Amino acid sequence: MSNDRPQPRVLSRIDRDFEASPTLWPPSWIAAVWIALLGLTAFAYIATTGGWRPGVEAELATSSRFRGELLAGALLFSLAVSAAARLSIPGLDNAARWRLVLGCSVGLWLALFAWGVHEPHVEPSMLGKRPGCQFEVALFGFLGALLLLPALSRRLSLAPRLTGAVLLGSGALVSNLAMQVGCMIEPWHALTHHAAPVIALAFVGALIGPRVFRI
């Protein structure tokens, strides 16, 4: 049986839950507010705890690949937040379609990081290095999940592992974007300290998802 097909006991719980709490925040509102709130928080944090990396303005002006990395990360972040909001409402969207869209987006995002390792878009530099940046990325993953979870009040999902993965991963993604302009520019560092925590938190989210989004 497909993981997206509700069983009788699932439908019964959904009916009881909707009767008790008939009002739902539209998923588009949840996603838009959460993207704005966490995005502003992450970039304000970087700006007030060390500021932008020296020379980042020139990189943005001259390197289309660097702009592409940021755009790919922003796209993945937006898609992940939208997926978390929509997948928490049973039957609203097809999880298989989200897996395909998110999988392609993650592939593009990681491919750009891998390209940077093979061929850096600028000369690597230690300028702007933030000790413990990988922990800051992880911290924002958990912070983002705590901010979004109350909005997903019913916490019902027919794809709990995917929902948990995008919930935790999306918070880390916005911090990854902030680190791309705030931390040192070195491809391996970006891959292991900025991108790897996002993937790690997505795996953690997939593991705990069935406990959080249980039906």
N, C-alpha and C. Protein backbone atom coordinates (compact mmCIF):
# COMPACT_ATOMS: atom_id res chain seq x y z
N MET A 1 0.85 -1.20 0.00
CA MET A 1 0.00 0.00 0.00
C MET A 1 0.88 1.23 0.00
N SER A 2 0.51 2.22 -0.76
CA SER A 2 1.29 3.46 -0.83
C SER A 2 1.30 4.17 0.50
N ASN A 3 2.43 4.78 0.83
CA ASN A 3 2.57 5.53 2.07
C ASN A 3 1.68 6.76 2.09
N ASP A 4 1.20 7.19 0.91
CA ASP A 4 0.37 8.39 0.82
C ASP A 4 -1.12 8.07 0.90
N ARG A 5 -1.51 6.81 1.01
CA ARG A 5 -2.92 6.44 0.99
C ARG A 5 -3.43 6.27 2.42
N PRO A 6 -4.36 7.11 2.86
CA PRO A 6 -4.84 7.01 4.24
C PRO A 6 -5.54 5.69 4.51
N GLN A 7 -5.29 5.11 5.71
CA GLN A 7 -5.99 3.93 6.16
C GLN A 7 -7.19 4.37 7.01
N PRO A 8 -8.15 3.46 7.26
CA PRO A 8 -9.36 3.85 8.00
C PRO A 8 -9.06 4.53 9.34
N ARG A 9 -8.10 4.00 10.13
CA ARG A 9 -7.83 4.60 11.43
C ARG A 9 -7.23 5.99 11.26
N VAL A 10 -6.48 6.18 10.17
CA VAL A 10 -5.91 7.49 9.88
C VAL A 10 -7.02 8.48 9.59
N LEU A 11 -7.95 8.10 8.73
CA LEU A 11 -9.06 8.97 8.37
C LEU A 11 -9.90 9.32 9.61
N SER A 12 -10.07 8.34 10.48
CA SER A 12 -10.86 8.58 11.69
C SER A 12 -10.19 9.63 12.56
N ARG A 13 -8.88 9.54 12.73
CA ARG A 13 -8.18 10.53 13.57
C ARG A 13 -8.21 11.91 12.91
N ILE A 14 -8.04 11.95 11.59
CA ILE A 14 -8.08 13.24 10.90
C ILE A 14 -9.44 13.90 11.08
N ASP A 15 -10.54 13.11 10.95
CA ASP A 15 -11.88 13.66 11.11
C ASP A 15 -12.07 14.23 12.52
N ARG A 16 -11.62 13.49 13.54
CA ARG A 16 -11.76 13.96 14.92
C ARG A 16 -10.96 15.24 15.13
N ASP A 17 -9.77 15.28 14.55
CA ASP A 17 -8.90 16.44 14.76
C ASP A 17 -9.47 17.68 14.09
N PHE A 18 -10.01 17.52 12.90
CA PHE A 18 -10.55 18.67 12.19
C PHE A 18 -11.84 19.16 12.85
N GLU A 19 -12.62 18.25 13.44
CA GLU A 19 -13.82 18.68 14.15
C GLU A 19 -13.45 19.50 15.38
N ALA A 20 -12.37 19.10 16.07
CA ALA A 20 -11.95 19.81 17.27
C ALA A 20 -11.30 21.15 16.95
N SER A 21 -10.68 21.24 15.77
CA SER A 21 -9.96 22.48 15.41
C SER A 21 -10.15 22.73 13.92
N PRO A 22 -11.29 23.33 13.53
CA PRO A 22 -11.63 23.43 12.12
C PRO A 22 -10.83 24.45 11.34
N THR A 23 -10.14 25.40 12.01
CA THR A 23 -9.44 26.46 11.30
C THR A 23 -8.00 26.06 11.00
N LEU A 24 -7.60 26.22 9.76
CA LEU A 24 -6.22 25.91 9.35
C LEU A 24 -5.57 27.17 8.80
N TRP A 25 -4.32 27.40 9.16
CA TRP A 25 -3.55 28.44 8.50
C TRP A 25 -3.25 27.94 7.09
N PRO A 26 -3.48 28.74 6.06
CA PRO A 26 -3.13 28.31 4.70
C PRO A 26 -1.64 28.00 4.61
N PRO A 27 -1.26 26.90 3.98
CA PRO A 27 0.16 26.54 3.87
C PRO A 27 1.02 27.63 3.24
N SER A 28 0.45 28.37 2.28
CA SER A 28 1.23 29.43 1.64
C SER A 28 1.57 30.54 2.64
N TRP A 29 0.65 30.83 3.58
CA TRP A 29 0.91 31.84 4.61
C TRP A 29 1.99 31.34 5.56
N ILE A 30 1.86 30.09 5.97
CA ILE A 30 2.86 29.52 6.87
C ILE A 30 4.25 29.60 6.24
N ALA A 31 4.35 29.18 4.99
CA ALA A 31 5.65 29.17 4.31
C ALA A 31 6.20 30.58 4.16
N ALA A 32 5.37 31.53 3.72
CA ALA A 32 5.85 32.90 3.48
C ALA A 32 6.32 33.56 4.77
N VAL A 33 5.54 33.43 5.83
CA VAL A 33 5.92 34.04 7.11
C VAL A 33 7.18 33.40 7.66
N TRP A 34 7.27 32.09 7.56
CA TRP A 34 8.43 31.40 8.11
C TRP A 34 9.69 31.70 7.31
N ILE A 35 9.59 31.78 5.99
CA ILE A 35 10.75 32.12 5.16
C ILE A 35 11.25 33.52 5.53
N ALA A 36 10.32 34.47 5.65
CA ALA A 36 10.72 35.84 5.97
C ALA A 36 11.32 35.92 7.37
N LEU A 37 10.67 35.29 8.34
CA LEU A 37 11.12 35.37 9.72
C LEU A 37 12.50 34.75 9.92
N LEU A 38 12.67 33.53 9.44
CA LEU A 38 13.95 32.86 9.65
C LEU A 38 15.05 33.47 8.78
N GLY A 39 14.69 33.89 7.56
CA GLY A 39 15.69 34.53 6.70
C GLY A 39 16.22 35.80 7.33
N LEU A 40 15.33 36.66 7.82
CA LEU A 40 15.76 37.90 8.46
C LEU A 40 16.58 37.61 9.71
N THR A 41 16.17 36.61 10.49
CA THR A 41 16.89 36.26 11.71
C THR A 41 18.31 35.79 11.40
N ALA A 42 18.45 34.91 10.41
CA ALA A 42 19.76 34.36 10.07
C ALA A 42 20.72 35.43 9.56
N PHE A 43 20.24 36.28 8.65
CA PHE A 43 21.12 37.30 8.09
C PHE A 43 21.40 38.40 9.10
N ALA A 44 20.45 38.71 9.98
CA ALA A 44 20.70 39.68 11.05
C ALA A 44 21.73 39.14 12.02
N TYR A 45 21.66 37.83 12.28
CA TYR A 45 22.64 37.20 13.17
C TYR A 45 24.05 37.32 12.59
N ILE A 46 24.19 37.03 11.31
CA ILE A 46 25.50 37.14 10.68
C ILE A 46 25.99 38.59 10.71
N ALA A 47 25.10 39.51 10.40
CA ALA A 47 25.48 40.93 10.34
C ALA A 47 25.94 41.47 11.69
N THR A 48 25.38 40.94 12.77
CA THR A 48 25.69 41.47 14.10
C THR A 48 26.74 40.65 14.85
N THR A 49 27.21 39.56 14.25
CA THR A 49 28.22 38.73 14.93
C THR A 49 29.45 38.53 14.05
N GLY A 50 29.87 39.58 13.40
CA GLY A 50 31.06 39.48 12.55
C GLY A 50 30.89 40.12 11.19
N GLY A 51 29.66 40.24 10.75
CA GLY A 51 29.41 40.90 9.47
C GLY A 51 29.71 40.03 8.27
N TRP A 52 29.61 40.64 7.08
CA TRP A 52 29.83 39.91 5.84
C TRP A 52 31.32 39.65 5.62
N ARG A 53 31.60 38.64 4.86
CA ARG A 53 32.99 38.31 4.50
C ARG A 53 33.58 39.45 3.67
N PRO A 54 34.80 39.89 3.95
CA PRO A 54 35.42 40.93 3.13
C PRO A 54 35.48 40.52 1.66
N GLY A 55 35.02 41.38 0.78
CA GLY A 55 35.06 41.10 -0.66
C GLY A 55 33.85 40.40 -1.21
N VAL A 56 32.84 40.10 -0.36
CA VAL A 56 31.69 39.34 -0.85
C VAL A 56 30.90 40.15 -1.88
N GLU A 57 30.89 41.48 -1.76
CA GLU A 57 30.16 42.29 -2.73
C GLU A 57 30.76 42.13 -4.13
N ALA A 58 32.10 42.08 -4.20
CA ALA A 58 32.77 41.89 -5.49
C ALA A 58 32.47 40.51 -6.06
N GLU A 59 32.42 39.51 -5.19
CA GLU A 59 32.10 38.16 -5.65
C GLU A 59 30.70 38.11 -6.27
N LEU A 60 29.75 38.75 -5.60
CA LEU A 60 28.39 38.79 -6.12
C LEU A 60 28.31 39.51 -7.45
N ALA A 61 29.13 40.54 -7.61
CA ALA A 61 29.08 41.34 -8.83
C ALA A 61 29.78 40.66 -10.00
N THR A 62 30.78 39.82 -9.71
CA THR A 62 31.61 39.29 -10.79
C THR A 62 31.44 37.79 -11.05
N SER A 63 30.92 37.04 -10.11
CA SER A 63 30.86 35.59 -10.27
C SER A 63 29.43 35.10 -10.44
N SER A 64 29.09 34.68 -11.64
CA SER A 64 27.74 34.15 -11.89
C SER A 64 27.56 32.81 -11.16
N ARG A 65 28.65 32.06 -10.98
CA ARG A 65 28.52 30.78 -10.29
C ARG A 65 28.20 30.99 -8.81
N PHE A 66 28.83 31.98 -8.20
CA PHE A 66 28.53 32.27 -6.81
C PHE A 66 27.07 32.70 -6.66
N ARG A 67 26.60 33.52 -7.57
CA ARG A 67 25.18 33.90 -7.55
C ARG A 67 24.30 32.68 -7.76
N GLY A 68 24.75 31.77 -8.62
CA GLY A 68 23.99 30.55 -8.86
C GLY A 68 23.91 29.68 -7.62
N GLU A 69 25.01 29.58 -6.86
CA GLU A 69 25.00 28.81 -5.62
C GLU A 69 23.98 29.37 -4.64
N LEU A 70 23.97 30.69 -4.51
CA LEU A 70 23.02 31.32 -3.60
C LEU A 70 21.58 31.14 -4.05
N LEU A 71 21.35 31.29 -5.36
CA LEU A 71 20.00 31.12 -5.89
C LEU A 71 19.52 29.68 -5.73
N ALA A 72 20.41 28.71 -5.97
CA ALA A 72 20.04 27.29 -5.81
C ALA A 72 19.70 27.00 -4.36
N GLY A 73 20.49 27.56 -3.43
CA GLY A 73 20.20 27.37 -2.01
C GLY A 73 18.89 28.02 -1.60
N ALA A 74 18.64 29.23 -2.13
CA ALA A 74 17.39 29.94 -1.80
C ALA A 74 16.19 29.18 -2.35
N LEU A 75 16.32 28.64 -3.56
CA LEU A 75 15.24 27.85 -4.16
C LEU A 75 14.96 26.61 -3.33
N LEU A 76 16.02 25.90 -2.94
CA LEU A 76 15.85 24.69 -2.14
C LEU A 76 15.22 25.01 -0.79
N PHE A 77 15.66 26.09 -0.18
CA PHE A 77 15.09 26.52 1.10
C PHE A 77 13.59 26.80 0.96
N SER A 78 13.21 27.54 -0.06
CA SER A 78 11.80 27.87 -0.27
C SER A 78 10.96 26.62 -0.53
N LEU A 79 11.50 25.72 -1.34
CA LEU A 79 10.77 24.48 -1.63
C LEU A 79 10.63 23.62 -0.37
N ALA A 80 11.69 23.55 0.44
CA ALA A 80 11.65 22.72 1.64
C ALA A 80 10.62 23.25 2.63
N VAL A 81 10.58 24.57 2.81
CA VAL A 81 9.59 25.16 3.72
C VAL A 81 8.17 24.90 3.19
N SER A 82 7.97 25.09 1.90
CA SER A 82 6.65 24.85 1.31
C SER A 82 6.24 23.39 1.49
N ALA A 83 7.20 22.48 1.30
CA ALA A 83 6.91 21.05 1.46
C ALA A 83 6.51 20.74 2.89
N ALA A 84 7.24 21.30 3.86
CA ALA A 84 6.91 21.05 5.27
C ALA A 84 5.50 21.53 5.59
N ALA A 85 5.15 22.72 5.10
CA ALA A 85 3.82 23.27 5.38
C ALA A 85 2.72 22.45 4.72
N ARG A 86 2.94 22.00 3.49
CA ARG A 86 1.88 21.32 2.75
C ARG A 86 1.78 19.83 3.11
N LEU A 87 2.91 19.20 3.39
CA LEU A 87 2.87 17.78 3.72
C LEU A 87 2.31 17.52 5.11
N SER A 88 2.23 18.56 5.95
CA SER A 88 1.67 18.37 7.29
C SER A 88 0.14 18.34 7.26
N ILE A 89 -0.45 18.55 6.07
CA ILE A 89 -1.90 18.45 5.91
C ILE A 89 -2.19 17.20 5.08
N PRO A 90 -2.69 16.14 5.67
CA PRO A 90 -2.88 14.88 4.95
C PRO A 90 -3.72 15.02 3.69
N GLY A 91 -3.22 14.48 2.60
CA GLY A 91 -3.97 14.44 1.36
C GLY A 91 -3.88 15.70 0.52
N LEU A 92 -3.22 16.76 1.02
CA LEU A 92 -3.14 18.00 0.26
C LEU A 92 -2.22 17.86 -0.95
N ASP A 93 -1.08 17.23 -0.76
CA ASP A 93 -0.11 17.06 -1.83
C ASP A 93 0.38 15.62 -1.88
N ASN A 94 0.96 15.27 -3.02
CA ASN A 94 1.53 13.94 -3.21
C ASN A 94 3.00 13.95 -2.79
N ALA A 95 3.36 13.10 -1.83
CA ALA A 95 4.72 13.09 -1.31
C ALA A 95 5.73 12.66 -2.37
N ALA A 96 5.32 11.76 -3.26
CA ALA A 96 6.25 11.29 -4.29
C ALA A 96 6.69 12.43 -5.19
N ARG A 97 5.78 13.33 -5.50
CA ARG A 97 6.13 14.49 -6.33
C ARG A 97 7.12 15.40 -5.61
N TRP A 98 6.89 15.59 -4.31
CA TRP A 98 7.82 16.41 -3.53
C TRP A 98 9.20 15.75 -3.44
N ARG A 99 9.23 14.44 -3.31
CA ARG A 99 10.52 13.74 -3.27
C ARG A 99 11.30 13.99 -4.55
N LEU A 100 10.61 13.95 -5.68
CA LEU A 100 11.27 14.17 -6.97
C LEU A 100 11.78 15.61 -7.08
N VAL A 101 10.91 16.58 -6.76
CA VAL A 101 11.29 17.99 -6.88
C VAL A 101 12.44 18.32 -5.93
N LEU A 102 12.32 17.89 -4.68
CA LEU A 102 13.37 18.18 -3.70
C LEU A 102 14.65 17.44 -4.01
N GLY A 103 14.53 16.20 -4.50
CA GLY A 103 15.73 15.45 -4.87
C GLY A 103 16.51 16.13 -5.98
N CYS A 104 15.81 16.61 -6.99
CA CYS A 104 16.48 17.33 -8.09
C CYS A 104 17.11 18.63 -7.59
N SER A 105 16.43 19.33 -6.71
CA SER A 105 16.94 20.59 -6.17
C SER A 105 18.18 20.36 -5.31
N VAL A 106 18.14 19.31 -4.48
CA VAL A 106 19.31 18.98 -3.66
C VAL A 106 20.49 18.59 -4.56
N GLY A 107 20.21 17.83 -5.61
CA GLY A 107 21.27 17.44 -6.54
C GLY A 107 21.94 18.64 -7.19
N LEU A 108 21.13 19.61 -7.64
CA LEU A 108 21.68 20.83 -8.23
C LEU A 108 22.51 21.61 -7.22
N TRP A 109 21.99 21.75 -6.03
CA TRP A 109 22.66 22.50 -4.96
C TRP A 109 24.02 21.88 -4.63
N LEU A 110 24.05 20.55 -4.44
CA LEU A 110 25.30 19.88 -4.12
C LEU A 110 26.27 19.87 -5.31
N ALA A 111 25.72 19.79 -6.52
CA ALA A 111 26.59 19.81 -7.71
C ALA A 111 27.35 21.13 -7.81
N LEU A 112 26.71 22.23 -7.45
CA LEU A 112 27.38 23.53 -7.49
C LEU A 112 28.48 23.60 -6.44
N PHE A 113 28.25 23.01 -5.27
CA PHE A 113 29.29 22.95 -4.25
C PHE A 113 30.46 22.10 -4.74
N ALA A 114 30.15 20.95 -5.34
CA ALA A 114 31.19 20.07 -5.86
C ALA A 114 31.99 20.74 -6.97
N TRP A 115 31.32 21.49 -7.81
CA TRP A 115 32.00 22.25 -8.86
C TRP A 115 32.98 23.24 -8.24
N GLY A 116 32.57 23.87 -7.15
CA GLY A 116 33.46 24.80 -6.46
C GLY A 116 34.70 24.13 -5.92
N VAL A 117 34.58 22.89 -5.46
CA VAL A 117 35.75 22.16 -4.97
C VAL A 117 36.71 21.91 -6.13
N HIS A 118 36.18 21.54 -7.28
CA HIS A 118 37.01 21.26 -8.45
C HIS A 118 37.60 22.54 -9.05
N GLU A 119 36.79 23.60 -9.06
CA GLU A 119 37.21 24.85 -9.71
C GLU A 119 36.63 26.04 -8.93
N PRO A 120 37.35 26.52 -7.90
CA PRO A 120 36.83 27.64 -7.09
C PRO A 120 36.54 28.87 -7.94
N HIS A 121 35.46 29.58 -7.59
CA HIS A 121 35.10 30.75 -8.38
C HIS A 121 35.99 31.95 -8.04
N VAL A 122 36.63 31.91 -6.86
CA VAL A 122 37.62 32.93 -6.49
C VAL A 122 38.75 32.22 -5.73
N GLU A 123 39.83 32.93 -5.53
CA GLU A 123 40.95 32.37 -4.77
C GLU A 123 40.50 32.11 -3.33
N PRO A 124 40.66 30.86 -2.82
CA PRO A 124 40.26 30.57 -1.44
C PRO A 124 40.96 31.50 -0.45
N SER A 125 40.24 31.85 0.61
CA SER A 125 40.76 32.78 1.60
C SER A 125 40.20 32.45 2.97
N MET A 126 40.98 32.74 4.01
CA MET A 126 40.54 32.53 5.38
C MET A 126 39.81 33.76 5.94
N LEU A 127 39.73 34.82 5.16
CA LEU A 127 39.08 36.04 5.63
C LEU A 127 37.62 35.78 5.99
N GLY A 128 37.24 36.23 7.15
CA GLY A 128 35.85 36.06 7.59
C GLY A 128 35.57 34.75 8.28
N LYS A 129 36.60 33.94 8.53
CA LYS A 129 36.38 32.62 9.15
C LYS A 129 35.63 32.76 10.47
N ARG A 130 34.60 31.92 10.62
CA ARG A 130 33.79 31.90 11.84
C ARG A 130 33.99 30.56 12.53
N PRO A 131 34.78 30.51 13.61
CA PRO A 131 34.97 29.24 14.33
C PRO A 131 33.63 28.67 14.79
N GLY A 132 33.44 27.39 14.54
CA GLY A 132 32.20 26.74 14.96
C GLY A 132 31.02 27.01 14.06
N CYS A 133 31.28 27.43 12.82
CA CYS A 133 30.16 27.78 11.92
C CYS A 133 29.25 26.59 11.66
N GLN A 134 29.81 25.37 11.68
CA GLN A 134 28.98 24.19 11.44
C GLN A 134 27.93 24.02 12.54
N PHE A 135 28.29 24.43 13.76
CA PHE A 135 27.33 24.34 14.86
C PHE A 135 26.27 25.43 14.76
N GLU A 136 26.65 26.58 14.21
CA GLU A 136 25.68 27.64 13.98
C GLU A 136 24.65 27.21 12.94
N VAL A 137 25.12 26.53 11.89
CA VAL A 137 24.20 26.02 10.87
C VAL A 137 23.21 25.04 11.50
N ALA A 138 23.74 24.12 12.32
CA ALA A 138 22.88 23.13 12.97
C ALA A 138 21.91 23.80 13.95
N LEU A 139 22.39 24.81 14.67
CA LEU A 139 21.53 25.51 15.63
C LEU A 139 20.32 26.13 14.95
N PHE A 140 20.56 26.74 13.77
CA PHE A 140 19.44 27.35 13.06
C PHE A 140 18.48 26.29 12.53
N GLY A 141 18.98 25.10 12.26
CA GLY A 141 18.08 24.03 11.85
C GLY A 141 17.07 23.71 12.94
N PHE A 142 17.55 23.58 14.18
CA PHE A 142 16.64 23.29 15.29
C PHE A 142 15.78 24.51 15.63
N LEU A 143 16.37 25.71 15.55
CA LEU A 143 15.59 26.92 15.81
C LEU A 143 14.45 27.06 14.80
N GLY A 144 14.77 26.81 13.53
CA GLY A 144 13.74 26.89 12.50
C GLY A 144 12.62 25.91 12.73
N ALA A 145 12.98 24.68 13.13
CA ALA A 145 11.95 23.66 13.38
C ALA A 145 11.07 24.07 14.55
N LEU A 146 11.66 24.63 15.60
CA LEU A 146 10.88 25.05 16.76
C LEU A 146 9.94 26.20 16.41
N LEU A 147 10.37 27.07 15.49
CA LEU A 147 9.53 28.19 15.08
C LEU A 147 8.36 27.73 14.20
N LEU A 148 8.63 26.76 13.35
CA LEU A 148 7.60 26.32 12.40
C LEU A 148 6.64 25.31 12.99
N LEU A 149 7.12 24.47 13.91
CA LEU A 149 6.29 23.37 14.41
C LEU A 149 4.96 23.83 15.02
N PRO A 150 4.92 24.92 15.81
CA PRO A 150 3.63 25.34 16.35
C PRO A 150 2.59 25.68 15.28
N ALA A 151 3.07 26.18 14.13
CA ALA A 151 2.13 26.50 13.05
C ALA A 151 1.55 25.24 12.42
N LEU A 152 2.28 24.14 12.53
CA LEU A 152 1.79 22.86 12.03
C LEU A 152 1.07 22.17 13.19
N SER A 153 0.00 22.80 13.66
CA SER A 153 -0.59 22.45 14.95
C SER A 153 -1.06 21.00 15.03
N ARG A 154 -1.55 20.47 13.93
CA ARG A 154 -2.08 19.10 13.99
C ARG A 154 -0.97 18.05 13.86
N ARG A 155 0.10 18.44 13.23
CA ARG A 155 1.26 17.55 13.07
C ARG A 155 0.83 16.17 12.54
N LEU A 156 0.01 16.21 11.50
CA LEU A 156 -0.41 14.99 10.82
C LEU A 156 0.28 14.94 9.46
N SER A 157 0.83 13.83 9.12
CA SER A 157 1.46 13.69 7.81
C SER A 157 1.44 12.24 7.37
N LEU A 158 1.14 12.05 6.10
CA LEU A 158 1.19 10.70 5.53
C LEU A 158 2.60 10.36 5.06
N ALA A 159 3.52 11.32 5.12
CA ALA A 159 4.93 11.10 4.78
C ALA A 159 5.77 11.70 5.89
N PRO A 160 5.72 11.13 7.10
CA PRO A 160 6.37 11.75 8.26
C PRO A 160 7.88 11.87 8.14
N ARG A 161 8.52 10.91 7.48
CA ARG A 161 9.98 10.99 7.35
C ARG A 161 10.38 12.16 6.44
N LEU A 162 9.69 12.31 5.34
CA LEU A 162 9.98 13.42 4.43
C LEU A 162 9.66 14.75 5.10
N THR A 163 8.54 14.82 5.82
CA THR A 163 8.16 16.06 6.49
C THR A 163 9.18 16.44 7.55
N GLY A 164 9.65 15.46 8.33
CA GLY A 164 10.68 15.72 9.33
C GLY A 164 11.98 16.17 8.70
N ALA A 165 12.34 15.57 7.57
CA ALA A 165 13.59 15.92 6.90
C ALA A 165 13.57 17.36 6.40
N VAL A 166 12.47 17.76 5.76
CA VAL A 166 12.43 19.12 5.23
C VAL A 166 12.26 20.15 6.35
N LEU A 167 11.63 19.75 7.45
CA LEU A 167 11.44 20.68 8.57
C LEU A 167 12.79 21.05 9.18
N LEU A 168 13.60 20.06 9.51
CA LEU A 168 14.91 20.35 10.10
C LEU A 168 15.90 20.86 9.06
N GLY A 169 15.88 20.27 7.89
CA GLY A 169 16.84 20.68 6.86
C GLY A 169 16.65 22.10 6.39
N SER A 170 15.41 22.58 6.32
CA SER A 170 15.17 23.92 5.80
C SER A 170 15.72 25.00 6.73
N GLY A 171 15.63 24.78 8.05
CA GLY A 171 16.21 25.75 8.98
C GLY A 171 17.71 25.85 8.83
N ALA A 172 18.36 24.71 8.63
CA ALA A 172 19.81 24.73 8.42
C ALA A 172 20.17 25.35 7.07
N LEU A 173 19.28 25.20 6.10
CA LEU A 173 19.55 25.76 4.76
C LEU A 173 19.67 27.28 4.78
N VAL A 174 18.80 27.94 5.54
CA VAL A 174 18.87 29.40 5.55
C VAL A 174 20.15 29.87 6.23
N SER A 175 20.61 29.14 7.23
CA SER A 175 21.89 29.47 7.86
C SER A 175 23.05 29.19 6.90
N ASN A 176 22.92 28.13 6.11
CA ASN A 176 23.92 27.85 5.09
C ASN A 176 24.06 29.03 4.12
N LEU A 177 22.92 29.58 3.71
CA LEU A 177 22.95 30.73 2.80
C LEU A 177 23.65 31.92 3.45
N ALA A 178 23.34 32.16 4.72
CA ALA A 178 23.97 33.28 5.42
C ALA A 178 25.48 33.05 5.55
N MET A 179 25.89 31.81 5.80
CA MET A 179 27.32 31.50 5.93
C MET A 179 28.05 31.69 4.59
N GLN A 180 27.35 31.50 3.50
CA GLN A 180 27.97 31.67 2.19
C GLN A 180 28.45 33.10 1.97
N VAL A 181 27.81 34.05 2.62
CA VAL A 181 28.24 35.45 2.48
C VAL A 181 28.93 35.96 3.74
N GLY A 182 28.87 35.19 4.83
CA GLY A 182 29.44 35.67 6.08
C GLY A 182 30.70 34.97 6.53
N CYS A 183 30.92 33.75 6.08
CA CYS A 183 32.07 32.96 6.52
C CYS A 183 33.15 32.92 5.42
N MET A 184 34.28 32.33 5.75
CA MET A 184 35.42 32.25 4.83
C MET A 184 35.03 31.56 3.52
N ILE A 185 35.76 31.90 2.46
CA ILE A 185 35.51 31.29 1.15
C ILE A 185 36.58 30.25 0.87
N GLU A 186 36.20 28.99 1.03
CA GLU A 186 37.09 27.87 0.75
C GLU A 186 36.18 26.69 0.43
N PRO A 187 36.27 26.13 -0.77
CA PRO A 187 35.28 25.14 -1.22
C PRO A 187 35.07 23.95 -0.30
N TRP A 188 36.16 23.33 0.18
CA TRP A 188 36.00 22.18 1.05
C TRP A 188 35.33 22.57 2.37
N HIS A 189 35.70 23.74 2.86
CA HIS A 189 35.09 24.24 4.10
C HIS A 189 33.59 24.45 3.88
N ALA A 190 33.23 25.03 2.76
CA ALA A 190 31.81 25.27 2.46
C ALA A 190 31.04 23.95 2.39
N LEU A 191 31.68 22.93 1.81
CA LEU A 191 31.02 21.64 1.65
C LEU A 191 30.89 20.91 2.98
N THR A 192 31.97 20.89 3.77
CA THR A 192 31.96 20.10 5.01
C THR A 192 31.37 20.83 6.21
N HIS A 193 31.47 22.17 6.23
CA HIS A 193 31.01 22.91 7.39
C HIS A 193 29.68 23.64 7.17
N HIS A 194 29.34 23.91 5.91
CA HIS A 194 28.10 24.65 5.63
C HIS A 194 27.03 23.75 5.00
N ALA A 195 27.43 22.87 4.08
CA ALA A 195 26.45 22.01 3.41
C ALA A 195 26.20 20.70 4.16
N ALA A 196 27.26 20.08 4.67
CA ALA A 196 27.11 18.78 5.34
C ALA A 196 26.16 18.84 6.54
N PRO A 197 26.19 19.90 7.38
CA PRO A 197 25.22 19.94 8.48
C PRO A 197 23.76 19.96 8.02
N VAL A 198 23.51 20.54 6.86
CA VAL A 198 22.14 20.56 6.32
C VAL A 198 21.69 19.12 6.04
N ILE A 199 22.57 18.37 5.36
CA ILE A 199 22.24 16.98 5.04
C ILE A 199 22.09 16.15 6.30
N ALA A 200 22.98 16.38 7.28
CA ALA A 200 22.93 15.62 8.53
C ALA A 200 21.62 15.89 9.27
N LEU A 201 21.21 17.15 9.32
CA LEU A 201 19.96 17.47 10.02
C LEU A 201 18.75 16.92 9.27
N ALA A 202 18.81 16.88 7.96
CA ALA A 202 17.71 16.28 7.19
C ALA A 202 17.58 14.79 7.55
N PHE A 203 18.70 14.10 7.72
CA PHE A 203 18.65 12.69 8.12
C PHE A 203 18.08 12.55 9.53
N VAL A 204 18.48 13.44 10.43
CA VAL A 204 17.93 13.41 11.79
C VAL A 204 16.42 13.64 11.74
N GLY A 205 16.01 14.61 10.93
CA GLY A 205 14.58 14.87 10.79
C GLY A 205 13.81 13.67 10.26
N ALA A 206 14.42 12.96 9.31
CA ALA A 206 13.77 11.76 8.76
C ALA A 206 13.63 10.67 9.83
N LEU A 207 14.59 10.61 10.74
CA LEU A 207 14.54 9.60 11.80
C LEU A 207 13.47 9.91 12.84
N ILE A 208 13.35 11.18 13.21
CA ILE A 208 12.40 11.54 14.26
C ILE A 208 11.02 11.92 13.72
N GLY A 209 10.92 12.08 12.41
CA GLY A 209 9.65 12.47 11.80
C GLY A 209 8.47 11.61 12.20
N PRO A 210 8.61 10.27 12.18
CA PRO A 210 7.46 9.44 12.54
C PRO A 210 6.99 9.63 13.98
N ARG A 211 7.86 10.11 14.86
CA ARG A 211 7.45 10.36 16.25
C ARG A 211 6.74 11.71 16.40
N VAL A 212 7.15 12.67 15.57
CA VAL A 212 6.58 14.02 15.65
C VAL A 212 5.28 14.12 14.84
N PHE A 213 5.31 13.54 13.64
CA PHE A 213 4.14 13.60 12.73
C PHE A 213 3.47 12.23 12.68
N ARG A 214 3.05 11.77 13.80
CA ARG A 214 2.46 10.43 13.84
C ARG A 214 0.93 10.51 13.67
N ILE A 215 0.43 9.49 13.02
CA ILE A 215 -1.03 9.38 12.85
C ILE A 215 -1.49 8.06 13.46
